[in-house]
Amino acid sequence: MGQYGVKLLGQILSRSKSAKLCNDMTTFAHFDESIYEAWKRYKGLVWKVPNHGLPTWLEIQFFYNKLQPTTRMTMDAAAGGVLMSKDQDEARALLEEMASNDYQ
């Protein structure tokens, strides 16, 4: 395989890996774990694909939608309504605060 074939193969594998990581991010599932553990794991998935092109509000929406119902209710109560009614900066700050409090 010539140099162009190797380069093309590398791009295809890179795209394939990126697609898998994006899929992992968008199909995130909250299992029997704390908010801290879930948020940390989700941020790790997002970090692995820095060029995913998704807006921050959509990243938060994916995370929020996959939380267990009781965890989502806790988030909404902390938000004083529905977490997703907050702007993306407020929602992210609340998630960070709740995860930090859960860790402590």
PDB file of N, CA and C in Angstrom:
ATOM      1  N   MET A   1       0.858  -1.169   0.000  1.00  0.00           N
ATOM      2  CA  MET A   1       0.000   0.000   0.000  1.00  0.00           C
ATOM      3  C   MET A   1       0.902   1.229   0.000  1.00  0.00           C
ATOM      4  N   GLY A   2       0.658   2.161  -0.914  1.00  0.00           N
ATOM      5  CA  GLY A   2       1.476   3.367  -1.010  1.00  0.00           C
ATOM      6  C   GLY A   2       1.176   4.346   0.116  1.00  0.00           C
ATOM      7  N   GLN A   3       1.901   5.459   0.093  1.00  0.00           N
ATOM      8  CA  GLN A   3       1.753   6.445   1.163  1.00  0.00           C
ATOM      9  C   GLN A   3       0.339   7.012   1.204  1.00  0.00           C
ATOM     10  N   TYR A   4      -0.312   7.183   0.043  1.00  0.00           N
ATOM     11  CA  TYR A   4      -1.666   7.721   0.013  1.00  0.00           C
ATOM     12  C   TYR A   4      -2.667   6.721   0.575  1.00  0.00           C
ATOM     13  N   GLY A   5      -2.430   5.447   0.312  1.00  0.00           N
ATOM     14  CA  GLY A   5      -3.301   4.407   0.860  1.00  0.00           C
ATOM     15  C   GLY A   5      -3.228   4.344   2.373  1.00  0.00           C
ATOM     16  N   VAL A   6      -2.026   4.484   2.920  1.00  0.00           N
ATOM     17  CA  VAL A   6      -1.847   4.475   4.376  1.00  0.00           C
ATOM     18  C   VAL A   6      -2.524   5.691   4.984  1.00  0.00           C
ATOM     19  N   LYS A   7      -2.362   6.853   4.347  1.00  0.00           N
ATOM     20  CA  LYS A   7      -2.977   8.089   4.847  1.00  0.00           C
ATOM     21  C   LYS A   7      -4.501   7.962   4.828  1.00  0.00           C
ATOM     22  N   LEU A   8      -5.056   7.451   3.744  1.00  0.00           N
ATOM     23  CA  LEU A   8      -6.500   7.278   3.632  1.00  0.00           C
ATOM     24  C   LEU A   8      -7.008   6.284   4.668  1.00  0.00           C
ATOM     25  N   LEU A   9      -6.300   5.177   4.858  1.00  0.00           N
ATOM     26  CA  LEU A   9      -6.684   4.183   5.851  1.00  0.00           C
ATOM     27  C   LEU A   9      -6.692   4.812   7.249  1.00  0.00           C
ATOM     28  N   GLY A  10      -5.700   5.634   7.541  1.00  0.00           N
ATOM     29  CA  GLY A  10      -5.632   6.328   8.830  1.00  0.00           C
ATOM     30  C   GLY A  10      -6.815   7.251   9.024  1.00  0.00           C
ATOM     31  N   GLN A  11      -7.218   7.971   7.965  1.00  0.00           N
ATOM     32  CA  GLN A  11      -8.372   8.861   8.056  1.00  0.00           C
ATOM     33  C   GLN A  11      -9.661   8.074   8.276  1.00  0.00           C
ATOM     34  N   ILE A  12      -9.804   6.968   7.591  1.00  0.00           N
ATOM     35  CA  ILE A  12     -11.006   6.141   7.744  1.00  0.00           C
ATOM     36  C   ILE A  12     -11.086   5.586   9.158  1.00  0.00           C
ATOM     37  N   LEU A  13      -9.970   5.064   9.664  1.00  0.00           N
ATOM     38  CA  LEU A  13      -9.966   4.541  11.030  1.00  0.00           C
ATOM     39  C   LEU A  13     -10.234   5.643  12.031  1.00  0.00           C
ATOM     40  N   SER A  14      -9.683   6.830  11.797  1.00  0.00           N
ATOM     41  CA  SER A  14      -9.893   7.964  12.685  1.00  0.00           C
ATOM     42  C   SER A  14     -11.366   8.363  12.682  1.00  0.00           C
ATOM     43  N   ARG A  15     -11.974   8.407  11.502  1.00  0.00           N
ATOM     44  CA  ARG A  15     -13.403   8.744  11.410  1.00  0.00           C
ATOM     45  C   ARG A  15     -14.254   7.674  12.077  1.00  0.00           C
ATOM     46  N   SER A  16     -13.882   6.432  11.892  1.00  0.00           N
ATOM     47  CA  SER A  16     -14.621   5.335  12.501  1.00  0.00           C
ATOM     48  C   SER A  16     -14.556   5.432  14.027  1.00  0.00           C
ATOM     49  N   LYS A  17     -13.367   5.703  14.539  1.00  0.00           N
ATOM     50  CA  LYS A  17     -13.196   5.840  15.983  1.00  0.00           C
ATOM     51  C   LYS A  17     -13.985   7.039  16.498  1.00  0.00           C
ATOM     52  N   SER A  18     -13.930   8.158  15.789  1.00  0.00           N
ATOM     53  CA  SER A  18     -14.680   9.349  16.181  1.00  0.00           C
ATOM     54  C   SER A  18     -16.180   9.066  16.180  1.00  0.00           C
ATOM     55  N   ALA A  19     -16.642   8.347  15.163  1.00  0.00           N
ATOM     56  CA  ALA A  19     -18.071   8.020  15.078  1.00  0.00           C
ATOM     57  C   ALA A  19     -18.492   7.152  16.259  1.00  0.00           C
ATOM     58  N   LYS A  20     -17.659   6.185  16.632  1.00  0.00           N
ATOM     59  CA  LYS A  20     -17.982   5.327  17.769  1.00  0.00           C
ATOM     60  C   LYS A  20     -18.019   6.144  19.054  1.00  0.00           C
ATOM     61  N   LEU A  21     -17.039   7.038  19.236  1.00  0.00           N
ATOM     62  CA  LEU A  21     -16.996   7.851  20.444  1.00  0.00           C
ATOM     63  C   LEU A  21     -18.185   8.812  20.510  1.00  0.00           C
ATOM     64  N   CYS A  22     -18.564   9.381  19.370  1.00  0.00           N
ATOM     65  CA  CYS A  22     -19.751  10.249  19.333  1.00  0.00           C
ATOM     66  C   CYS A  22     -21.001   9.456  19.678  1.00  0.00           C
ATOM     67  N   ASN A  23     -21.084   8.230  19.168  1.00  0.00           N
ATOM     68  CA  ASN A  23     -22.218   7.374  19.489  1.00  0.00           C
ATOM     69  C   ASN A  23     -22.263   7.081  20.987  1.00  0.00           C
ATOM     70  N   ASP A  24     -21.106   6.806  21.579  1.00  0.00           N
ATOM     71  CA  ASP A  24     -21.046   6.563  23.020  1.00  0.00           C
ATOM     72  C   ASP A  24     -21.553   7.783  23.794  1.00  0.00           C
ATOM     73  N   MET A  25     -21.198   8.964  23.316  1.00  0.00           N
ATOM     74  CA  MET A  25     -21.590  10.197  23.981  1.00  0.00           C
ATOM     75  C   MET A  25     -23.105  10.427  23.867  1.00  0.00           C
ATOM     76  N   THR A  26     -23.646  10.215  22.679  1.00  0.00           N
ATOM     77  CA  THR A  26     -25.062  10.509  22.466  1.00  0.00           C
ATOM     78  C   THR A  26     -25.984   9.423  23.006  1.00  0.00           C
ATOM     79  N   THR A  27     -25.439   8.240  23.271  1.00  0.00           N
ATOM     80  CA  THR A  27     -26.262   7.157  23.818  1.00  0.00           C
ATOM     81  C   THR A  27     -25.883   6.863  25.270  1.00  0.00           C
ATOM     82  N   PHE A  28     -25.238   7.829  25.902  1.00  0.00           N
ATOM     83  CA  PHE A  28     -24.848   7.718  27.305  1.00  0.00           C
ATOM     84  C   PHE A  28     -26.017   7.204  28.132  1.00  0.00           C
ATOM     85  N   ALA A  29     -25.728   6.349  29.088  1.00  0.00           N
ATOM     86  CA  ALA A  29     -26.772   5.847  29.994  1.00  0.00           C
ATOM     87  C   ALA A  29     -26.288   5.974  31.433  1.00  0.00           C
ATOM     88  N   HIS A  30     -27.163   6.471  32.278  1.00  0.00           N
ATOM     89  CA  HIS A  30     -26.876   6.624  33.713  1.00  0.00           C
ATOM     90  C   HIS A  30     -27.290   5.338  34.405  1.00  0.00           C
ATOM     91  N   PHE A  31     -26.317   4.678  34.978  1.00  0.00           N
ATOM     92  CA  PHE A  31     -26.584   3.429  35.673  1.00  0.00           C
ATOM     93  C   PHE A  31     -26.679   3.697  37.167  1.00  0.00           C
ATOM     94  N   ASP A  32     -26.482   2.711  37.950  1.00  0.00           N
ATOM     95  CA  ASP A  32     -26.543   2.845  39.400  1.00  0.00           C
ATOM     96  C   ASP A  32     -25.234   3.475  39.884  1.00  0.00           C
ATOM     97  N   GLU A  33     -25.124   4.786  39.670  1.00  0.00           N
ATOM     98  CA  GLU A  33     -23.931   5.518  40.066  1.00  0.00           C
ATOM     99  C   GLU A  33     -24.349   6.898  40.564  1.00  0.00           C
ATOM    100  N   SER A  34     -23.458   7.529  41.258  1.00  0.00           N
ATOM    101  CA  SER A  34     -23.758   8.857  41.782  1.00  0.00           C
ATOM    102  C   SER A  34     -23.774   9.884  40.648  1.00  0.00           C
ATOM    103  N   ILE A  35     -24.315  11.056  40.940  1.00  0.00           N
ATOM    104  CA  ILE A  35     -24.298  12.141  39.955  1.00  0.00           C
ATOM    105  C   ILE A  35     -22.841  12.484  39.609  1.00  0.00           C
ATOM    106  N   TYR A  36     -21.994  12.506  40.626  1.00  0.00           N
ATOM    107  CA  TYR A  36     -20.573  12.803  40.404  1.00  0.00           C
ATOM    108  C   TYR A  36     -19.969  11.805  39.416  1.00  0.00           C
ATOM    109  N   GLU A  37     -20.182  10.523  39.656  1.00  0.00           N
ATOM    110  CA  GLU A  37     -19.602   9.488  38.793  1.00  0.00           C
ATOM    111  C   GLU A  37     -20.167   9.569  37.378  1.00  0.00           C
ATOM    112  N   ALA A  38     -21.480   9.780  37.262  1.00  0.00           N
ATOM    113  CA  ALA A  38     -22.111   9.862  35.941  1.00  0.00           C
ATOM    114  C   ALA A  38     -21.603  11.078  35.166  1.00  0.00           C
ATOM    115  N   TRP A  39     -21.543  12.226  35.833  1.00  0.00           N
ATOM    116  CA  TRP A  39     -21.104  13.455  35.171  1.00  0.00           C
ATOM    117  C   TRP A  39     -19.635  13.343  34.758  1.00  0.00           C
ATOM    118  N   LYS A  40     -18.817  12.775  35.635  1.00  0.00           N
ATOM    119  CA  LYS A  40     -17.395  12.591  35.325  1.00  0.00           C
ATOM    120  C   LYS A  40     -17.236  11.663  34.113  1.00  0.00           C
ATOM    121  N   ARG A  41     -17.985  10.579  34.095  1.00  0.00           N
ATOM    122  CA  ARG A  41     -17.903   9.627  32.981  1.00  0.00           C
ATOM    123  C   ARG A  41     -18.369  10.278  31.676  1.00  0.00           C
ATOM    124  N   TYR A  42     -19.462  11.032  31.756  1.00  0.00           N
ATOM    125  CA  TYR A  42     -19.985  11.690  30.561  1.00  0.00           C
ATOM    126  C   TYR A  42     -19.001  12.735  30.033  1.00  0.00           C
ATOM    127  N   LYS A  43     -18.440  13.545  30.928  1.00  0.00           N
ATOM    128  CA  LYS A  43     -17.463  14.545  30.494  1.00  0.00           C
ATOM    129  C   LYS A  43     -16.252  13.870  29.855  1.00  0.00           C
ATOM    130  N   GLY A  44     -15.892  12.696  30.351  1.00  0.00           N
ATOM    131  CA  GLY A  44     -14.792  11.944  29.741  1.00  0.00           C
ATOM    132  C   GLY A  44     -15.107  11.539  28.314  1.00  0.00           C
ATOM    133  N   LEU A  45     -16.360  11.143  28.069  1.00  0.00           N
ATOM    134  CA  LEU A  45     -16.772  10.798  26.706  1.00  0.00           C
ATOM    135  C   LEU A  45     -16.709  12.019  25.796  1.00  0.00           C
ATOM    136  N   VAL A  46     -17.198  13.158  26.297  1.00  0.00           N
ATOM    137  CA  VAL A  46     -17.188  14.394  25.506  1.00  0.00           C
ATOM    138  C   VAL A  46     -15.748  14.817  25.217  1.00  0.00           C
ATOM    139  N   TRP A  47     -14.876  14.688  26.207  1.00  0.00           N
ATOM    140  CA  TRP A  47     -13.484  15.105  26.072  1.00  0.00           C
ATOM    141  C   TRP A  47     -12.750  14.284  25.008  1.00  0.00           C
ATOM    142  N   LYS A  48     -13.138  13.032  24.842  1.00  0.00           N
ATOM    143  CA  LYS A  48     -12.467  12.164  23.875  1.00  0.00           C
ATOM    144  C   LYS A  48     -12.730  12.578  22.425  1.00  0.00           C
ATOM    145  N   VAL A  49     -13.786  13.365  22.205  1.00  0.00           N
ATOM    146  CA  VAL A  49     -14.123  13.805  20.847  1.00  0.00           C
ATOM    147  C   VAL A  49     -14.266  15.331  20.861  1.00  0.00           C
ATOM    148  N   PRO A  50     -13.153  16.049  20.987  1.00  0.00           N
ATOM    149  CA  PRO A  50     -13.236  17.503  21.122  1.00  0.00           C
ATOM    150  C   PRO A  50     -13.802  18.211  19.889  1.00  0.00           C
ATOM    151  N   ASN A  51     -13.762  17.580  18.751  1.00  0.00           N
ATOM    152  CA  ASN A  51     -14.253  18.200  17.511  1.00  0.00           C
ATOM    153  C   ASN A  51     -15.611  17.644  17.096  1.00  0.00           C
ATOM    154  N   HIS A  52     -16.426  17.219  18.055  1.00  0.00           N
ATOM    155  CA  HIS A  52     -17.715  16.601  17.728  1.00  0.00           C
ATOM    156  C   HIS A  52     -18.702  17.583  17.117  1.00  0.00           C
ATOM    157  N   GLY A  53     -18.545  18.864  17.375  1.00  0.00           N
ATOM    158  CA  GLY A  53     -19.395  19.863  16.743  1.00  0.00           C
ATOM    159  C   GLY A  53     -20.759  20.053  17.382  1.00  0.00           C
ATOM    160  N   LEU A  54     -21.034  19.369  18.478  1.00  0.00           N
ATOM    161  CA  LEU A  54     -22.321  19.543  19.148  1.00  0.00           C
ATOM    162  C   LEU A  54     -22.280  20.770  20.047  1.00  0.00           C
ATOM    163  N   PRO A  55     -23.341  21.563  20.047  1.00  0.00           N
ATOM    164  CA  PRO A  55     -23.368  22.705  20.958  1.00  0.00           C
ATOM    165  C   PRO A  55     -23.475  22.229  22.412  1.00  0.00           C
ATOM    166  N   THR A  56     -23.017  23.069  23.317  1.00  0.00           N
ATOM    167  CA  THR A  56     -23.008  22.715  24.739  1.00  0.00           C
ATOM    168  C   THR A  56     -24.395  22.339  25.237  1.00  0.00           C
ATOM    169  N   TRP A  57     -25.422  23.082  24.821  1.00  0.00           N
ATOM    170  CA  TRP A  57     -26.769  22.783  25.312  1.00  0.00           C
ATOM    171  C   TRP A  57     -27.199  21.371  24.927  1.00  0.00           C
ATOM    172  N   LEU A  58     -26.747  20.897  23.760  1.00  0.00           N
ATOM    173  CA  LEU A  58     -27.118  19.557  23.321  1.00  0.00           C
ATOM    174  C   LEU A  58     -26.355  18.488  24.107  1.00  0.00           C
ATOM    175  N   GLU A  59     -25.098  18.762  24.435  1.00  0.00           N
ATOM    176  CA  GLU A  59     -24.342  17.854  25.301  1.00  0.00           C
ATOM    177  C   GLU A  59     -25.081  17.680  26.630  1.00  0.00           C
ATOM    178  N   ILE A  60     -25.515  18.800  27.208  1.00  0.00           N
ATOM    179  CA  ILE A  60     -26.224  18.764  28.492  1.00  0.00           C
ATOM    180  C   ILE A  60     -27.546  18.023  28.339  1.00  0.00           C
ATOM    181  N   GLN A  61     -28.228  18.268  27.228  1.00  0.00           N
ATOM    182  CA  GLN A  61     -29.509  17.594  26.979  1.00  0.00           C
ATOM    183  C   GLN A  61     -29.335  16.080  26.906  1.00  0.00           C
ATOM    184  N   PHE A  62     -28.297  15.607  26.204  1.00  0.00           N
ATOM    185  CA  PHE A  62     -28.035  14.168  26.126  1.00  0.00           C
ATOM    186  C   PHE A  62     -27.830  13.592  27.521  1.00  0.00           C
ATOM    187  N   PHE A  63     -27.033  14.272  28.332  1.00  0.00           N
ATOM    188  CA  PHE A  63     -26.767  13.804  29.696  1.00  0.00           C
ATOM    189  C   PHE A  63     -28.060  13.772  30.506  1.00  0.00           C
ATOM    190  N   TYR A  64     -28.769  14.871  30.502  1.00  0.00           N
ATOM    191  CA  TYR A  64     -30.010  15.010  31.290  1.00  0.00           C
ATOM    192  C   TYR A  64     -31.046  13.960  30.894  1.00  0.00           C
ATOM    193  N   ASN A  65     -31.223  13.753  29.598  1.00  0.00           N
ATOM    194  CA  ASN A  65     -32.234  12.804  29.124  1.00  0.00           C
ATOM    195  C   ASN A  65     -31.960  11.368  29.555  1.00  0.00           C
ATOM    196  N   LYS A  66     -30.702  11.033  29.775  1.00  0.00           N
ATOM    197  CA  LYS A  66     -30.359   9.658  30.125  1.00  0.00           C
ATOM    198  C   LYS A  66     -30.211   9.422  31.626  1.00  0.00           C
ATOM    199  N   LEU A  67     -30.471  10.459  32.421  1.00  0.00           N
ATOM    200  CA  LEU A  67     -30.430  10.259  33.865  1.00  0.00           C
ATOM    201  C   LEU A  67     -31.611   9.417  34.316  1.00  0.00           C
ATOM    202  N   GLN A  68     -31.432   8.728  35.421  1.00  0.00           N
ATOM    203  CA  GLN A  68     -32.546   7.987  36.001  1.00  0.00           C
ATOM    204  C   GLN A  68     -33.602   8.999  36.439  1.00  0.00           C
ATOM    205  N   PRO A  69     -34.880   8.641  36.387  1.00  0.00           N
ATOM    206  CA  PRO A  69     -35.949   9.595  36.721  1.00  0.00           C
ATOM    207  C   PRO A  69     -35.781  10.266  38.088  1.00  0.00           C
ATOM    208  N   THR A  70     -35.371   9.509  39.088  1.00  0.00           N
ATOM    209  CA  THR A  70     -35.214  10.129  40.413  1.00  0.00           C
ATOM    210  C   THR A  70     -34.069  11.148  40.415  1.00  0.00           C
ATOM    211  N   THR A  71     -33.009  10.860  39.693  1.00  0.00           N
ATOM    212  CA  THR A  71     -31.883  11.800  39.598  1.00  0.00           C
ATOM    213  C   THR A  71     -32.304  13.045  38.827  1.00  0.00           C
ATOM    214  N   ARG A  72     -33.079  12.850  37.768  1.00  0.00           N
ATOM    215  CA  ARG A  72     -33.578  13.984  36.983  1.00  0.00           C
ATOM    216  C   ARG A  72     -34.475  14.869  37.846  1.00  0.00           C
ATOM    217  N   MET A  73     -35.302  14.257  38.687  1.00  0.00           N
ATOM    218  CA  MET A  73     -36.166  15.030  39.586  1.00  0.00           C
ATOM    219  C   MET A  73     -35.334  15.842  40.574  1.00  0.00           C
ATOM    220  N   THR A  74     -34.260  15.258  41.071  1.00  0.00           N
ATOM    221  CA  THR A  74     -33.366  15.966  41.990  1.00  0.00           C
ATOM    222  C   THR A  74     -32.722  17.159  41.284  1.00  0.00           C
ATOM    223  N   MET A  75     -32.276  16.938  40.051  1.00  0.00           N
ATOM    224  CA  MET A  75     -31.681  18.021  39.257  1.00  0.00           C
ATOM    225  C   MET A  75     -32.691  19.150  39.045  1.00  0.00           C
ATOM    226  N   ASP A  76     -33.898  18.779  38.680  1.00  0.00           N
ATOM    227  CA  ASP A  76     -34.930  19.784  38.432  1.00  0.00           C
ATOM    228  C   ASP A  76     -35.243  20.577  39.697  1.00  0.00           C
ATOM    229  N   ALA A  77     -35.316  19.880  40.830  1.00  0.00           N
ATOM    230  CA  ALA A  77     -35.579  20.570  42.098  1.00  0.00           C
ATOM    231  C   ALA A  77     -34.450  21.554  42.413  1.00  0.00           C
ATOM    232  N   ALA A  78     -33.219  21.150  42.193  1.00  0.00           N
ATOM    233  CA  ALA A  78     -32.075  22.031  42.444  1.00  0.00           C
ATOM    234  C   ALA A  78     -32.089  23.227  41.490  1.00  0.00           C
ATOM    235  N   ALA A  79     -32.630  23.018  40.287  1.00  0.00           N
ATOM    236  CA  ALA A  79     -32.706  24.093  39.297  1.00  0.00           C
ATOM    237  C   ALA A  79     -33.870  25.032  39.569  1.00  0.00           C
ATOM    238  N   GLY A  80     -34.733  24.657  40.510  1.00  0.00           N
ATOM    239  CA  GLY A  80     -35.901  25.489  40.794  1.00  0.00           C
ATOM    240  C   GLY A  80     -36.939  25.402  39.691  1.00  0.00           C
ATOM    241  N   GLY A  81     -37.020  24.276  39.057  1.00  0.00           N
ATOM    242  CA  GLY A  81     -37.940  24.057  37.940  1.00  0.00           C
ATOM    243  C   GLY A  81     -37.436  22.889  37.122  1.00  0.00           C
ATOM    244  N   VAL A  82     -37.105  23.153  35.882  1.00  0.00           N
ATOM    245  CA  VAL A  82     -36.558  22.122  34.996  1.00  0.00           C
ATOM    246  C   VAL A  82     -35.153  22.560  34.597  1.00  0.00           C
ATOM    247  N   LEU A  83     -34.201  21.671  34.785  1.00  0.00           N
ATOM    248  CA  LEU A  83     -32.810  22.008  34.471  1.00  0.00           C
ATOM    249  C   LEU A  83     -32.675  22.552  33.060  1.00  0.00           C
ATOM    250  N   MET A  84     -33.357  21.945  32.108  1.00  0.00           N
ATOM    251  CA  MET A  84     -33.192  22.334  30.718  1.00  0.00           C
ATOM    252  C   MET A  84     -33.858  23.674  30.384  1.00  0.00           C
ATOM    253  N   SER A  85     -34.540  24.292  31.359  1.00  0.00           N
ATOM    254  CA  SER A  85     -35.066  25.637  31.120  1.00  0.00           C
ATOM    255  C   SER A  85     -34.003  26.696  31.406  1.00  0.00           C
ATOM    256  N   LYS A  86     -32.902  26.285  32.007  1.00  0.00           N
ATOM    257  CA  LYS A  86     -31.776  27.184  32.271  1.00  0.00           C
ATOM    258  C   LYS A  86     -30.964  27.360  30.993  1.00  0.00           C
ATOM    259  N   ASP A  87     -30.215  28.472  30.913  1.00  0.00           N
ATOM    260  CA  ASP A  87     -29.324  28.573  29.763  1.00  0.00           C
ATOM    261  C   ASP A  87     -28.161  27.608  29.980  1.00  0.00           C
ATOM    262  N   GLN A  88     -27.400  27.347  28.929  1.00  0.00           N
ATOM    263  CA  GLN A  88     -26.386  26.293  28.983  1.00  0.00           C
ATOM    264  C   GLN A  88     -25.328  26.549  30.045  1.00  0.00           C
ATOM    265  N   ASP A  89     -24.961  27.788  30.277  1.00  0.00           N
ATOM    266  CA  ASP A  89     -23.943  28.083  31.291  1.00  0.00           C
ATOM    267  C   ASP A  89     -24.472  27.822  32.698  1.00  0.00           C
ATOM    268  N   GLU A  90     -25.723  28.222  32.943  1.00  0.00           N
ATOM    269  CA  GLU A  90     -26.335  27.970  34.249  1.00  0.00           C
ATOM    270  C   GLU A  90     -26.525  26.470  34.482  1.00  0.00           C
ATOM    271  N   ALA A  91     -26.965  25.762  33.449  1.00  0.00           N
ATOM    272  CA  ALA A  91     -27.189  24.319  33.573  1.00  0.00           C
ATOM    273  C   ALA A  91     -25.872  23.594  33.843  1.00  0.00           C
ATOM    274  N   ARG A  92     -24.826  23.960  33.111  1.00  0.00           N
ATOM    275  CA  ARG A  92     -23.520  23.318  33.324  1.00  0.00           C
ATOM    276  C   ARG A  92     -22.993  23.638  34.720  1.00  0.00           C
ATOM    277  N   ALA A  93     -23.136  24.887  35.161  1.00  0.00           N
ATOM    278  CA  ALA A  93     -22.669  25.274  36.496  1.00  0.00           C
ATOM    279  C   ALA A  93     -23.417  24.487  37.572  1.00  0.00           C
ATOM    280  N   LEU A  94     -24.712  24.300  37.384  1.00  0.00           N
ATOM    281  CA  LEU A  94     -25.495  23.527  38.352  1.00  0.00           C
ATOM    282  C   LEU A  94     -25.060  22.060  38.358  1.00  0.00           C
ATOM    283  N   LEU A  95     -24.836  21.491  37.191  1.00  0.00           N
ATOM    284  CA  LEU A  95     -24.345  20.107  37.113  1.00  0.00           C
ATOM    285  C   LEU A  95     -23.001  19.971  37.814  1.00  0.00           C
ATOM    286  N   GLU A  96     -22.100  20.909  37.569  1.00  0.00           N
ATOM    287  CA  GLU A  96     -20.786  20.882  38.213  1.00  0.00           C
ATOM    288  C   GLU A  96     -20.928  20.994  39.733  1.00  0.00           C
ATOM    289  N   GLU A  97     -21.792  21.883  40.172  1.00  0.00           N
ATOM    290  CA  GLU A  97     -22.000  22.077  41.621  1.00  0.00           C
ATOM    291  C   GLU A  97     -22.600  20.826  42.256  1.00  0.00           C
ATOM    292  N   MET A  98     -23.602  20.255  41.618  1.00  0.00           N
ATOM    293  CA  MET A  98     -24.233  19.052  42.164  1.00  0.00           C
ATOM    294  C   MET A  98     -23.250  17.877  42.192  1.00  0.00           C
ATOM    295  N   ALA A  99     -22.456  17.744  41.158  1.00  0.00           N
ATOM    296  CA  ALA A  99     -21.461  16.666  41.118  1.00  0.00           C
ATOM    297  C   ALA A  99     -20.428  16.881  42.214  1.00  0.00           C
ATOM    298  N   SER A 100     -19.991  18.109  42.392  1.00  0.00           N
ATOM    299  CA  SER A 100     -19.009  18.411  43.436  1.00  0.00           C
ATOM    300  C   SER A 100     -19.581  18.122  44.819  1.00  0.00           C
ATOM    301  N   ASN A 101     -20.813  18.546  45.053  1.00  0.00           N
ATOM    302  CA  ASN A 101     -21.457  18.271  46.346  1.00  0.00           C
ATOM    303  C   ASN A 101     -21.635  16.788  46.574  1.00  0.00           C
ATOM    304  N   ASP A 102     -21.979  16.072  45.503  1.00  0.00           N
ATOM    305  CA  ASP A 102     -22.158  14.615  45.605  1.00  0.00           C
ATOM    306  C   ASP A 102     -20.838  13.930  45.915  1.00  0.00           C
ATOM    307  N   TYR A 103     -19.750  14.435  45.367  1.00  0.00           N
ATOM    308  CA  TYR A 103     -18.427  13.859  45.588  1.00  0.00           C
ATOM    309  C   TYR A 103     -18.017  14.016  47.048  1.00  0.00           C
ATOM    310  N   GLN A 104     -18.323  15.180  47.602  1.00  0.00           N
ATOM    311  CA  GLN A 104     -17.956  15.469  49.004  1.00  0.00           C
ATOM    312  C   GLN A 104     -18.861  14.712  49.938  1.00  0.00           C
TER     313      GLN A 104
END
